[in-house]
Amino acid sequence: MAIVRRFDKIEFDVPGKHTEVNATYAIIGDKNGEKFLQIDTYGSSSRQIKGKKSQSIRLSQEALDQLFKIYKANF
């Protein structure tokens, strides 16, 4: 599992094709009282084990603040 504390911008010439999957989220606290937003994605219908957790990522408060600024500036 990865903990993201910041985002760096990159440019894509041509966006890749992505399949749609289900996702869940949870607010997780660690032993030091720090909170994280955890996002889990689950296998697409074309995967061998359908519905199995594929990826898990935790965003720190700093990363969430930055992501919110990115969202507000672009959408």
N, C-alpha and C. Protein backbone atom coordinates (compact mmCIF):
# COMPACT_ATOMS: atom_id res chain seq x y z
N MET A 1 0.86 -1.17 0.00
CA MET A 1 0.00 0.00 0.00
C MET A 1 0.90 1.23 0.00
N ALA A 2 0.46 2.26 -0.68
CA ALA A 2 1.23 3.50 -0.76
C ALA A 2 0.54 4.61 0.03
N ILE A 3 1.36 5.44 0.70
CA ILE A 3 0.86 6.66 1.32
C ILE A 3 1.36 7.82 0.48
N VAL A 4 0.45 8.63 -0.03
CA VAL A 4 0.79 9.78 -0.86
C VAL A 4 0.75 11.02 0.01
N ARG A 5 1.84 11.78 0.00
CA ARG A 5 1.91 13.03 0.75
C ARG A 5 1.93 14.25 -0.15
N ARG A 6 2.21 14.06 -1.46
CA ARG A 6 2.17 15.18 -2.40
C ARG A 6 2.04 14.65 -3.82
N PHE A 7 1.58 15.53 -4.70
CA PHE A 7 1.44 15.20 -6.12
C PHE A 7 2.38 16.08 -6.93
N ASP A 8 2.98 15.50 -7.97
CA ASP A 8 3.78 16.24 -8.94
C ASP A 8 3.07 16.14 -10.28
N LYS A 9 2.93 17.28 -10.96
CA LYS A 9 2.22 17.30 -12.23
C LYS A 9 3.11 16.79 -13.36
N ILE A 10 2.51 15.99 -14.24
CA ILE A 10 3.15 15.56 -15.48
C ILE A 10 2.16 15.80 -16.61
N GLU A 11 2.64 15.79 -17.83
CA GLU A 11 1.79 15.99 -19.00
C GLU A 11 1.74 14.69 -19.80
N PHE A 12 0.55 14.38 -20.33
CA PHE A 12 0.37 13.24 -21.22
C PHE A 12 0.02 13.75 -22.59
N ASP A 13 0.67 13.20 -23.63
CA ASP A 13 0.31 13.56 -24.99
C ASP A 13 -1.03 12.94 -25.37
N VAL A 14 -1.17 11.65 -25.10
CA VAL A 14 -2.40 10.93 -25.42
C VAL A 14 -2.79 10.12 -24.19
N PRO A 15 -3.95 10.41 -23.61
CA PRO A 15 -4.37 9.63 -22.45
C PRO A 15 -4.59 8.16 -22.82
N GLY A 16 -4.20 7.27 -21.93
CA GLY A 16 -4.40 5.85 -22.16
C GLY A 16 -5.85 5.46 -21.93
N LYS A 17 -6.23 4.30 -22.46
CA LYS A 17 -7.58 3.79 -22.27
C LYS A 17 -7.66 3.12 -20.90
N HIS A 18 -8.71 3.44 -20.17
CA HIS A 18 -8.90 2.86 -18.84
C HIS A 18 -10.25 2.15 -18.78
N THR A 19 -10.29 1.07 -18.02
CA THR A 19 -11.56 0.39 -17.79
C THR A 19 -12.17 0.93 -16.51
N GLU A 20 -13.49 0.88 -16.44
CA GLU A 20 -14.18 1.32 -15.23
C GLU A 20 -14.20 0.19 -14.21
N VAL A 21 -13.99 0.56 -12.95
CA VAL A 21 -14.00 -0.42 -11.85
C VAL A 21 -14.75 0.19 -10.67
N ASN A 22 -15.09 -0.65 -9.73
CA ASN A 22 -15.70 -0.17 -8.49
C ASN A 22 -14.60 0.27 -7.53
N ALA A 23 -14.94 1.20 -6.66
CA ALA A 23 -13.99 1.68 -5.66
C ALA A 23 -14.72 1.91 -4.34
N THR A 24 -13.97 1.80 -3.25
CA THR A 24 -14.49 2.12 -1.93
C THR A 24 -13.51 3.09 -1.27
N TYR A 25 -13.99 3.75 -0.23
CA TYR A 25 -13.09 4.63 0.53
C TYR A 25 -13.35 4.47 2.01
N ALA A 26 -12.34 4.82 2.79
CA ALA A 26 -12.45 4.79 4.25
C ALA A 26 -11.55 5.88 4.81
N ILE A 27 -11.91 6.40 5.97
CA ILE A 27 -11.05 7.32 6.70
C ILE A 27 -10.32 6.48 7.74
N ILE A 28 -9.00 6.47 7.66
CA ILE A 28 -8.16 5.63 8.50
C ILE A 28 -7.32 6.52 9.41
N GLY A 29 -7.23 6.17 10.68
CA GLY A 29 -6.36 6.88 11.61
C GLY A 29 -5.20 5.99 12.01
N ASP A 30 -4.01 6.58 12.13
CA ASP A 30 -2.88 5.77 12.59
C ASP A 30 -2.67 5.96 14.10
N LYS A 31 -1.67 5.30 14.65
CA LYS A 31 -1.44 5.33 16.10
C LYS A 31 -1.01 6.71 16.60
N ASN A 32 -0.56 7.59 15.69
CA ASN A 32 -0.15 8.94 16.07
C ASN A 32 -1.28 9.95 15.92
N GLY A 33 -2.46 9.48 15.51
CA GLY A 33 -3.60 10.37 15.35
C GLY A 33 -3.72 11.00 13.98
N GLU A 34 -2.80 10.67 13.06
CA GLU A 34 -2.89 11.20 11.70
C GLU A 34 -3.99 10.46 10.94
N LYS A 35 -4.78 11.20 10.17
CA LYS A 35 -5.85 10.60 9.39
C LYS A 35 -5.46 10.54 7.92
N PHE A 36 -5.98 9.51 7.25
CA PHE A 36 -5.75 9.30 5.83
C PHE A 36 -7.07 8.95 5.15
N LEU A 37 -7.20 9.35 3.89
CA LEU A 37 -8.29 8.87 3.04
C LEU A 37 -7.74 7.68 2.28
N GLN A 38 -8.31 6.50 2.51
CA GLN A 38 -7.88 5.30 1.78
C GLN A 38 -8.88 5.01 0.68
N ILE A 39 -8.36 4.81 -0.52
CA ILE A 39 -9.18 4.46 -1.68
C ILE A 39 -8.72 3.10 -2.17
N ASP A 40 -9.67 2.17 -2.30
CA ASP A 40 -9.39 0.83 -2.81
C ASP A 40 -10.15 0.64 -4.11
N THR A 41 -9.48 0.08 -5.12
CA THR A 41 -10.16 -0.26 -6.36
C THR A 41 -10.23 -1.77 -6.48
N TYR A 42 -11.21 -2.24 -7.23
CA TYR A 42 -11.48 -3.67 -7.35
C TYR A 42 -11.44 -4.08 -8.80
N GLY A 43 -11.04 -5.32 -9.05
CA GLY A 43 -10.84 -5.84 -10.39
C GLY A 43 -12.03 -5.62 -11.32
N SER A 44 -11.70 -5.33 -12.56
CA SER A 44 -12.74 -5.13 -13.57
C SER A 44 -13.38 -6.48 -13.92
N SER A 45 -14.46 -6.41 -14.66
CA SER A 45 -15.19 -7.64 -15.01
C SER A 45 -14.39 -8.54 -15.93
N SER A 46 -13.33 -8.02 -16.57
CA SER A 46 -12.53 -8.85 -17.47
C SER A 46 -11.36 -9.54 -16.77
N ARG A 47 -11.17 -9.28 -15.48
CA ARG A 47 -10.06 -9.91 -14.76
C ARG A 47 -10.39 -11.34 -14.37
N GLN A 48 -9.35 -12.10 -14.13
CA GLN A 48 -9.54 -13.51 -13.78
C GLN A 48 -10.32 -13.66 -12.49
N ILE A 49 -9.97 -12.88 -11.47
CA ILE A 49 -10.71 -12.91 -10.21
C ILE A 49 -11.49 -11.60 -10.12
N LYS A 50 -12.74 -11.65 -10.51
CA LYS A 50 -13.58 -10.46 -10.55
C LYS A 50 -13.87 -9.96 -9.14
N GLY A 51 -13.81 -8.65 -8.95
CA GLY A 51 -14.15 -8.07 -7.67
C GLY A 51 -13.05 -8.12 -6.62
N LYS A 52 -11.88 -8.69 -6.95
CA LYS A 52 -10.77 -8.75 -6.00
C LYS A 52 -10.12 -7.37 -5.89
N LYS A 53 -9.73 -6.99 -4.67
CA LYS A 53 -9.07 -5.69 -4.49
C LYS A 53 -7.81 -5.64 -5.34
N SER A 54 -7.69 -4.57 -6.13
CA SER A 54 -6.54 -4.44 -7.03
C SER A 54 -5.50 -3.48 -6.49
N GLN A 55 -5.97 -2.33 -6.05
CA GLN A 55 -5.05 -1.27 -5.64
C GLN A 55 -5.59 -0.60 -4.39
N SER A 56 -4.67 -0.14 -3.57
CA SER A 56 -5.04 0.57 -2.36
C SER A 56 -4.08 1.73 -2.20
N ILE A 57 -4.61 2.92 -1.97
CA ILE A 57 -3.78 4.11 -1.83
C ILE A 57 -4.31 4.93 -0.67
N ARG A 58 -3.40 5.49 0.12
CA ARG A 58 -3.80 6.36 1.23
C ARG A 58 -3.27 7.76 0.97
N LEU A 59 -4.15 8.74 1.13
CA LEU A 59 -3.79 10.14 0.93
C LEU A 59 -3.71 10.84 2.28
N SER A 60 -2.60 11.52 2.52
CA SER A 60 -2.43 12.29 3.75
C SER A 60 -3.24 13.58 3.64
N GLN A 61 -3.35 14.30 4.75
CA GLN A 61 -4.04 15.59 4.75
C GLN A 61 -3.38 16.55 3.76
N GLU A 62 -2.05 16.56 3.72
CA GLU A 62 -1.34 17.44 2.78
C GLU A 62 -1.68 17.10 1.34
N ALA A 63 -1.71 15.82 1.01
CA ALA A 63 -2.04 15.40 -0.35
C ALA A 63 -3.48 15.74 -0.68
N LEU A 64 -4.39 15.56 0.27
CA LEU A 64 -5.79 15.91 0.03
C LEU A 64 -5.97 17.41 -0.19
N ASP A 65 -5.25 18.22 0.59
CA ASP A 65 -5.32 19.67 0.39
C ASP A 65 -4.84 20.05 -1.00
N GLN A 66 -3.73 19.44 -1.43
CA GLN A 66 -3.20 19.72 -2.76
C GLN A 66 -4.16 19.24 -3.84
N LEU A 67 -4.72 18.06 -3.67
CA LEU A 67 -5.67 17.51 -4.64
C LEU A 67 -6.90 18.40 -4.76
N PHE A 68 -7.38 18.93 -3.66
CA PHE A 68 -8.53 19.83 -3.68
C PHE A 68 -8.20 21.09 -4.47
N LYS A 69 -7.00 21.63 -4.29
CA LYS A 69 -6.58 22.82 -5.05
C LYS A 69 -6.49 22.51 -6.54
N ILE A 70 -5.96 21.34 -6.88
CA ILE A 70 -5.88 20.91 -8.28
C ILE A 70 -7.29 20.81 -8.86
N TYR A 71 -8.20 20.20 -8.12
CA TYR A 71 -9.59 20.06 -8.56
C TYR A 71 -10.23 21.42 -8.81
N LYS A 72 -10.11 22.33 -7.85
CA LYS A 72 -10.74 23.65 -7.97
C LYS A 72 -10.16 24.45 -9.14
N ALA A 73 -8.89 24.28 -9.42
CA ALA A 73 -8.24 25.03 -10.49
C ALA A 73 -8.58 24.49 -11.88
N ASN A 74 -9.03 23.23 -11.96
CA ASN A 74 -9.18 22.60 -13.27
C ASN A 74 -10.58 22.14 -13.62
N PHE A 75 -11.51 22.12 -12.67
CA PHE A 75 -12.86 21.61 -12.98
C PHE A 75 -13.92 22.60 -12.58
